[in-house]
PDB file of N, CA and C in Angstrom:
ATOM      1  N   UNK A   1     123.934 -70.990-266.714  1.00  0.00           N
ATOM      2  CA  UNK A   1     124.058 -69.367-265.362  1.00  0.00           C
ATOM      3  C   UNK A   1     122.519 -68.596-265.248  1.00  0.00           C
ATOM      4  N   UNK A   2     122.244 -68.509-266.775  1.00  0.00           N
ATOM      5  CA  UNK A   2     120.951 -67.650-266.459  1.00  0.00           C
ATOM      6  C   UNK A   2     119.807 -68.569-265.724  1.00  0.00           C
ATOM      7  N   UNK A   3     119.628 -69.513-265.549  1.00  0.00           N
ATOM      8  CA  UNK A   3     118.496 -70.163-264.759  1.00  0.00           C
ATOM      9  C   UNK A   3     118.877 -69.964-263.282  1.00  0.00           C
ATOM     10  N   UNK A   4     120.059 -69.717-262.650  1.00  0.00           N
ATOM     11  CA  UNK A   4     120.518 -69.271-261.369  1.00  0.00           C
ATOM     12  C   UNK A   4     119.975 -67.952-260.939  1.00  0.00           C
ATOM     13  N   UNK A   5     119.794 -67.171-261.882  1.00  0.00           N
ATOM     14  CA  UNK A   5     119.704 -65.618-261.776  1.00  0.00           C
ATOM     15  C   UNK A   5     118.209 -65.940-261.611  1.00  0.00           C
ATOM     16  N   UNK A   6     117.486 -66.756-262.324  1.00  0.00           N
ATOM     17  CA  UNK A   6     115.965 -66.421-262.270  1.00  0.00           C
ATOM     18  C   UNK A   6     115.753 -67.333-260.568  1.00  0.00           C
ATOM     19  N   UNK A   7     116.142 -68.071-260.101  1.00  0.00           N
ATOM     20  CA  UNK A   7     115.782 -68.818-259.131  1.00  0.00           C
ATOM     21  C   UNK A   7     115.938 -68.379-257.690  1.00  0.00           C
ATOM     22  N   UNK A   8     116.921 -67.373-257.761  1.00  0.00           N
ATOM     23  CA  UNK A   8     117.128 -66.674-256.722  1.00  0.00           C
ATOM     24  C   UNK A   8     116.003 -65.336-256.100  1.00  0.00           C
ATOM     25  N   UNK A   9     115.070 -64.749-257.321  1.00  0.00           N
ATOM     26  CA  UNK A   9     114.188 -64.309-256.814  1.00  0.00           C
ATOM     27  C   UNK A   9     113.223 -64.886-256.786  1.00  0.00           C
ATOM     28  N   UNK A  10     112.735 -66.174-257.276  1.00  0.00           N
ATOM     29  CA  UNK A  10     111.679 -66.615-257.084  1.00  0.00           C
ATOM     30  C   UNK A  10     111.501 -67.372-255.703  1.00  0.00           C
ATOM     31  N   UNK A  11     113.086 -67.320-255.038  1.00  0.00           N
ATOM     32  CA  UNK A  11     113.220 -68.308-253.844  1.00  0.00           C
ATOM     33  C   UNK A  11     112.689 -66.848-252.890  1.00  0.00           C
ATOM     34  N   UNK A  12     113.463 -65.846-253.135  1.00  0.00           N
ATOM     35  CA  UNK A  12     113.387 -64.781-252.163  1.00  0.00           C
ATOM     36  C   UNK A  12     111.557 -64.303-252.189  1.00  0.00           C
ATOM     37  N   UNK A  13     110.878 -64.447-253.130  1.00  0.00           N
ATOM     38  CA  UNK A  13     109.384 -63.856-253.145  1.00  0.00           C
ATOM     39  C   UNK A  13     108.736 -65.531-252.679  1.00  0.00           C
ATOM     40  N   UNK A  14     109.363 -66.613-252.669  1.00  0.00           N
ATOM     41  CA  UNK A  14     108.441 -67.200-251.969  1.00  0.00           C
ATOM     42  C   UNK A  14     108.954 -67.355-250.261  1.00  0.00           C
ATOM     43  N   UNK A  15     109.967 -67.012-249.934  1.00  0.00           N
ATOM     44  CA  UNK A  15     110.065 -67.000-248.789  1.00  0.00           C
ATOM     45  C   UNK A  15     109.016 -65.664-248.108  1.00  0.00           C
ATOM     46  N   UNK A  16     109.253 -64.983-249.121  1.00  0.00           N
ATOM     47  CA  UNK A  16     108.481 -63.369-248.388  1.00  0.00           C
ATOM     48  C   UNK A  16     107.304 -63.975-248.371  1.00  0.00           C
ATOM     49  N   UNK A  17     106.359 -64.360-249.191  1.00  0.00           N
ATOM     50  CA  UNK A  17     104.930 -65.126-249.131  1.00  0.00           C
ATOM     51  C   UNK A  17     104.750 -66.307-248.027  1.00  0.00           C
ATOM     52  N   UNK A  18     105.602 -67.029-247.836  1.00  0.00           N
ATOM     53  CA  UNK A  18     105.511 -67.810-246.878  1.00  0.00           C
ATOM     54  C   UNK A  18     105.392 -67.196-245.192  1.00  0.00           C
ATOM     55  N   UNK A  19     106.218 -66.345-245.224  1.00  0.00           N
ATOM     56  CA  UNK A  19     106.648 -65.336-244.056  1.00  0.00           C
ATOM     57  C   UNK A  19     105.006 -64.725-243.689  1.00  0.00           C
ATOM     58  N   UNK A  20     104.368 -64.144-244.845  1.00  0.00           N
ATOM     59  CA  UNK A  20     103.470 -63.238-244.542  1.00  0.00           C
ATOM     60  C   UNK A  20     102.580 -63.894-244.462  1.00  0.00           C
ATOM     61  N   UNK A  21     102.087 -65.433-245.057  1.00  0.00           N
ATOM     62  CA  UNK A  21     101.382 -66.365-244.797  1.00  0.00           C
ATOM     63  C   UNK A  21     101.105 -66.857-242.994  1.00  0.00           C
ATOM     64  N   UNK A  22     102.338 -67.116-242.699  1.00  0.00           N
ATOM     65  CA  UNK A  22     102.255 -67.571-241.226  1.00  0.00           C
ATOM     66  C   UNK A  22     101.549 -66.260-240.725  1.00  0.00           C
ATOM     67  N   UNK A  23     102.508 -65.030-240.823  1.00  0.00           N
ATOM     68  CA  UNK A  23     101.768 -63.859-239.626  1.00  0.00           C
ATOM     69  C   UNK A  23     100.533 -63.731-239.680  1.00  0.00           C
ATOM     70  N   UNK A  24     100.227 -63.609-241.006  1.00  0.00           N
ATOM     71  CA  UNK A  24      98.288 -63.492-241.250  1.00  0.00           C
ATOM     72  C   UNK A  24      97.875 -64.578-240.516  1.00  0.00           C
ATOM     73  N   UNK A  25      98.142 -65.976-240.476  1.00  0.00           N
ATOM     74  CA  UNK A  25      97.382 -67.181-239.600  1.00  0.00           C
ATOM     75  C   UNK A  25      97.638 -66.681-238.258  1.00  0.00           C
ATOM     76  N   UNK A  26      98.741 -66.449-237.811  1.00  0.00           N
ATOM     77  CA  UNK A  26      99.179 -66.287-236.128  1.00  0.00           C
ATOM     78  C   UNK A  26      98.037 -64.896-236.104  1.00  0.00           C
ATOM     79  N   UNK A  27      98.008 -64.028-236.406  1.00  0.00           N
ATOM     80  CA  UNK A  27      97.206 -62.851-236.440  1.00  0.00           C
ATOM     81  C   UNK A  27      95.848 -63.299-236.071  1.00  0.00           C
ATOM     82  N   UNK A  28      95.264 -64.663-237.268  1.00  0.00           N
ATOM     83  CA  UNK A  28      93.940 -64.671-237.259  1.00  0.00           C
ATOM     84  C   UNK A  28      93.235 -65.763-235.994  1.00  0.00           C
ATOM     85  N   UNK A  29      94.488 -66.245-235.509  1.00  0.00           N
ATOM     86  CA  UNK A  29      94.363 -67.418-234.667  1.00  0.00           C
ATOM     87  C   UNK A  29      94.226 -66.373-233.101  1.00  0.00           C
ATOM     88  N   UNK A  30      95.079 -65.417-233.105  1.00  0.00           N
ATOM     89  CA  UNK A  30      94.879 -64.584-231.808  1.00  0.00           C
ATOM     90  C   UNK A  30      93.652 -63.746-231.810  1.00  0.00           C
ATOM     91  N   UNK A  31      93.310 -63.180-232.703  1.00  0.00           N
ATOM     92  CA  UNK A  31      91.773 -62.712-232.953  1.00  0.00           C
ATOM     93  C   UNK A  31      91.217 -63.399-232.447  1.00  0.00           C
ATOM     94  N   UNK A  32      90.899 -64.898-233.045  1.00  0.00           N
ATOM     95  CA  UNK A  32      89.761 -65.637-232.678  1.00  0.00           C
ATOM     96  C   UNK A  32      89.716 -66.040-230.905  1.00  0.00           C
ATOM     97  N   UNK A  33      90.614 -66.060-230.559  1.00  0.00           N
ATOM     98  CA  UNK A  33      90.868 -66.303-228.898  1.00  0.00           C
ATOM     99  C   UNK A  33      90.498 -64.835-228.295  1.00  0.00           C
ATOM    100  N   UNK A  34      90.270 -63.625-228.481  1.00  0.00           N
ATOM    101  CA  UNK A  34      90.474 -62.624-227.872  1.00  0.00           C
ATOM    102  C   UNK A  34      88.573 -62.702-228.027  1.00  0.00           C
ATOM    103  N   UNK A  35      87.705 -63.045-229.050  1.00  0.00           N
ATOM    104  CA  UNK A  35      86.922 -62.861-229.658  1.00  0.00           C
ATOM    105  C   UNK A  35      86.535 -63.890-228.165  1.00  0.00           C
ATOM    106  N   UNK A  36      86.616 -64.669-228.434  1.00  0.00           N
ATOM    107  CA  UNK A  36      86.126 -66.474-227.109  1.00  0.00           C
ATOM    108  C   UNK A  36      86.260 -65.882-226.128  1.00  0.00           C
ATOM    109  N   UNK A  37      87.761 -65.148-225.612  1.00  0.00           N
ATOM    110  CA  UNK A  37      87.712 -64.685-224.326  1.00  0.00           C
ATOM    111  C   UNK A  37      86.479 -63.854-223.528  1.00  0.00           C
ATOM    112  N   UNK A  38      86.189 -63.046-224.759  1.00  0.00           N
ATOM    113  CA  UNK A  38      85.452 -61.556-224.542  1.00  0.00           C
ATOM    114  C   UNK A  38      84.036 -62.832-224.576  1.00  0.00           C
ATOM    115  N   UNK A  39      83.544 -63.289-225.201  1.00  0.00           N
ATOM    116  CA  UNK A  39      82.485 -63.980-225.070  1.00  0.00           C
ATOM    117  C   UNK A  39      82.439 -65.002-223.272  1.00  0.00           C
ATOM    118  N   UNK A  40      83.494 -65.563-223.225  1.00  0.00           N
ATOM    119  CA  UNK A  40      83.472 -66.084-221.982  1.00  0.00           C
ATOM    120  C   UNK A  40      83.420 -65.057-220.684  1.00  0.00           C
ATOM    121  N   UNK A  41      84.100 -64.321-220.794  1.00  0.00           N
ATOM    122  CA  UNK A  41      83.786 -63.032-219.546  1.00  0.00           C
ATOM    123  C   UNK A  41      82.156 -62.230-219.546  1.00  0.00           C
ATOM    124  N   UNK A  42      81.881 -62.465-220.722  1.00  0.00           N
ATOM    125  CA  UNK A  42      80.502 -61.989-220.628  1.00  0.00           C
ATOM    126  C   UNK A  42      79.342 -63.106-220.223  1.00  0.00           C
ATOM    127  N   UNK A  43      79.673 -64.417-220.303  1.00  0.00           N
ATOM    128  CA  UNK A  43      79.115 -65.243-219.829  1.00  0.00           C
ATOM    129  C   UNK A  43      78.997 -65.865-218.275  1.00  0.00           C
ATOM    130  N   UNK A  44      80.234 -65.596-218.108  1.00  0.00           N
ATOM    131  CA  UNK A  44      80.470 -65.515-216.445  1.00  0.00           C
ATOM    132  C   UNK A  44      80.048 -64.415-215.450  1.00  0.00           C
ATOM    133  N   UNK A  45      79.836 -63.030-216.342  1.00  0.00           N
ATOM    134  CA  UNK A  45      79.109 -61.956-215.622  1.00  0.00           C
ATOM    135  C   UNK A  45      77.590 -62.222-215.780  1.00  0.00           C
ATOM    136  N   UNK A  46      77.235 -63.277-216.775  1.00  0.00           N
ATOM    137  CA  UNK A  46      75.822 -63.429-216.695  1.00  0.00           C
ATOM    138  C   UNK A  46      75.148 -64.444-215.383  1.00  0.00           C
ATOM    139  N   UNK A  47      76.262 -65.480-215.447  1.00  0.00           N
ATOM    140  CA  UNK A  47      76.156 -66.541-214.530  1.00  0.00           C
ATOM    141  C   UNK A  47      76.087 -66.025-213.072  1.00  0.00           C
ATOM    142  N   UNK A  48      77.020 -64.538-212.865  1.00  0.00           N
ATOM    143  CA  UNK A  48      77.307 -64.324-211.768  1.00  0.00           C
ATOM    144  C   UNK A  48      75.984 -63.411-211.422  1.00  0.00           C
ATOM    145  N   UNK A  49      75.132 -62.952-212.145  1.00  0.00           N
ATOM    146  CA  UNK A  49      74.158 -61.905-211.962  1.00  0.00           C
ATOM    147  C   UNK A  49      72.808 -63.147-211.510  1.00  0.00           C
ATOM    148  N   UNK A  50      72.960 -64.032-212.559  1.00  0.00           N
ATOM    149  CA  UNK A  50      72.050 -65.279-211.976  1.00  0.00           C
ATOM    150  C   UNK A  50      72.034 -65.615-210.377  1.00  0.00           C
ATOM    151  N   UNK A  51      73.347 -66.049-210.384  1.00  0.00           N
ATOM    152  CA  UNK A  51      73.723 -66.517-208.883  1.00  0.00           C
ATOM    153  C   UNK A  51      73.357 -65.622-207.438  1.00  0.00           C
ATOM    154  N   UNK A  52      73.545 -63.943-207.861  1.00  0.00           N
ATOM    155  CA  UNK A  52      73.439 -62.959-207.496  1.00  0.00           C
ATOM    156  C   UNK A  52      71.663 -62.681-207.084  1.00  0.00           C
ATOM    157  N   UNK A  53      71.080 -63.038-208.177  1.00  0.00           N
ATOM    158  CA  UNK A  53      69.491 -62.971-207.683  1.00  0.00           C
ATOM    159  C   UNK A  53      68.818 -64.425-207.357  1.00  0.00           C
ATOM    160  N   UNK A  54      69.501 -65.151-207.097  1.00  0.00           N
ATOM    161  CA  UNK A  54      69.199 -66.691-206.716  1.00  0.00           C
ATOM    162  C   UNK A  54      68.682 -67.787-207.378  1.00  0.00           C
ATOM    163  N   UNK A  55      68.818 -67.296-208.939  1.00  0.00           N
ATOM    164  CA  UNK A  55      68.149 -68.080-209.508  1.00  0.00           C
ATOM    165  C   UNK A  55      69.249 -69.425-209.567  1.00  0.00           C
ATOM    166  N   UNK A  56      70.556 -69.342-209.799  1.00  0.00           N
ATOM    167  CA  UNK A  56      71.664 -70.479-209.521  1.00  0.00           C
ATOM    168  C   UNK A  56      71.906 -70.628-207.833  1.00  0.00           C
ATOM    169  N   UNK A  57      72.329 -71.440-207.454  1.00  0.00           N
ATOM    170  CA  UNK A  57      72.819 -71.949-206.500  1.00  0.00           C
ATOM    171  C   UNK A  57      74.374 -71.250-206.757  1.00  0.00           C
ATOM    172  N   UNK A  58      75.202 -71.719-205.433  1.00  0.00           N
ATOM    173  CA  UNK A  58      76.543 -71.616-205.710  1.00  0.00           C
ATOM    174  C   UNK A  58      76.912 -72.808-205.929  1.00  0.00           C
ATOM    175  N   UNK A  59      76.685 -73.749-205.913  1.00  0.00           N
ATOM    176  CA  UNK A  59      76.924 -75.456-206.609  1.00  0.00           C
ATOM    177  C   UNK A  59      76.964 -75.030-208.136  1.00  0.00           C
ATOM    178  N   UNK A  60      75.663 -74.924-208.510  1.00  0.00           N
ATOM    179  CA  UNK A  60      75.642 -74.766-209.953  1.00  0.00           C
ATOM    180  C   UNK A  60      76.142 -73.531-210.572  1.00  0.00           C
ATOM    181  N   UNK A  61      76.406 -72.583-210.177  1.00  0.00           N
ATOM    182  CA  UNK A  61      77.339 -71.436-210.126  1.00  0.00           C
ATOM    183  C   UNK A  61      78.697 -71.933-210.456  1.00  0.00           C
ATOM    184  N   UNK A  62      79.106 -72.687-209.687  1.00  0.00           N
ATOM    185  CA  UNK A  62      80.429 -73.219-209.815  1.00  0.00           C
ATOM    186  C   UNK A  62      80.734 -74.202-210.954  1.00  0.00           C
ATOM    187  N   UNK A  63      79.479 -75.039-211.242  1.00  0.00           N
ATOM    188  CA  UNK A  63      79.673 -75.976-212.030  1.00  0.00           C
ATOM    189  C   UNK A  63      79.765 -75.378-213.480  1.00  0.00           C
ATOM    190  N   UNK A  64      78.875 -74.227-213.349  1.00  0.00           N
ATOM    191  CA  UNK A  64      78.394 -73.993-215.053  1.00  0.00           C
ATOM    192  C   UNK A  64      80.501 -73.157-215.287  1.00  0.00           C
ATOM    193  N   UNK A  65      80.735 -72.386-214.250  1.00  0.00           N
ATOM    194  CA  UNK A  65      81.906 -71.810-214.247  1.00  0.00           C
ATOM    195  C   UNK A  65      83.280 -72.753-214.730  1.00  0.00           C
ATOM    196  N   UNK A  66      82.996 -73.862-214.066  1.00  0.00           N
ATOM    197  CA  UNK A  66      84.135 -74.789-214.748  1.00  0.00           C
ATOM    198  C   UNK A  66      83.737 -75.346-216.055  1.00  0.00           C
ATOM    199  N   UNK A  67      82.809 -75.500-216.208  1.00  0.00           N
ATOM    200  CA  UNK A  67      82.186 -75.824-217.479  1.00  0.00           C
ATOM    201  C   UNK A  67      82.916 -74.844-218.621  1.00  0.00           C
ATOM    202  N   UNK A  68      82.634 -73.277-218.047  1.00  0.00           N
ATOM    203  CA  UNK A  68      82.951 -72.405-219.769  1.00  0.00           C
ATOM    204  C   UNK A  68      85.033 -72.133-219.897  1.00  0.00           C
ATOM    205  N   UNK A  69      85.401 -72.288-218.309  1.00  0.00           N
ATOM    206  CA  UNK A  69      86.819 -72.411-218.182  1.00  0.00           C
ATOM    207  C   UNK A  69      87.556 -73.428-218.475  1.00  0.00           C
ATOM    208  N   UNK A  70      86.883 -74.473-218.444  1.00  0.00           N
ATOM    209  CA  UNK A  70      87.580 -75.937-218.771  1.00  0.00           C
ATOM    210  C   UNK A  70      88.330 -76.333-218.173  1.00  0.00           C
ATOM    211  N   UNK A  71      88.993 -77.556-217.713  1.00  0.00           N
ATOM    212  CA  UNK A  71      89.912 -77.946-217.189  1.00  0.00           C
ATOM    213  C   UNK A  71      90.845 -77.318-216.439  1.00  0.00           C
TER     214      UNK A  71
END
């Protein structure tokens, strides 16, 4: 019976640790996506400025925009 008393706290600690690991992992991927979105917005703004200045044609702008935003 003493072994059963030991296993429960270890099981609880493992469950709490596993939950914390998953929460941290999820938060990290969310932050990574937000950073990527900010970079994409900045790049789209720069492309828009180049198009407005006449450096890019509308077709070139559309192609670069599609490349940034993906399928």
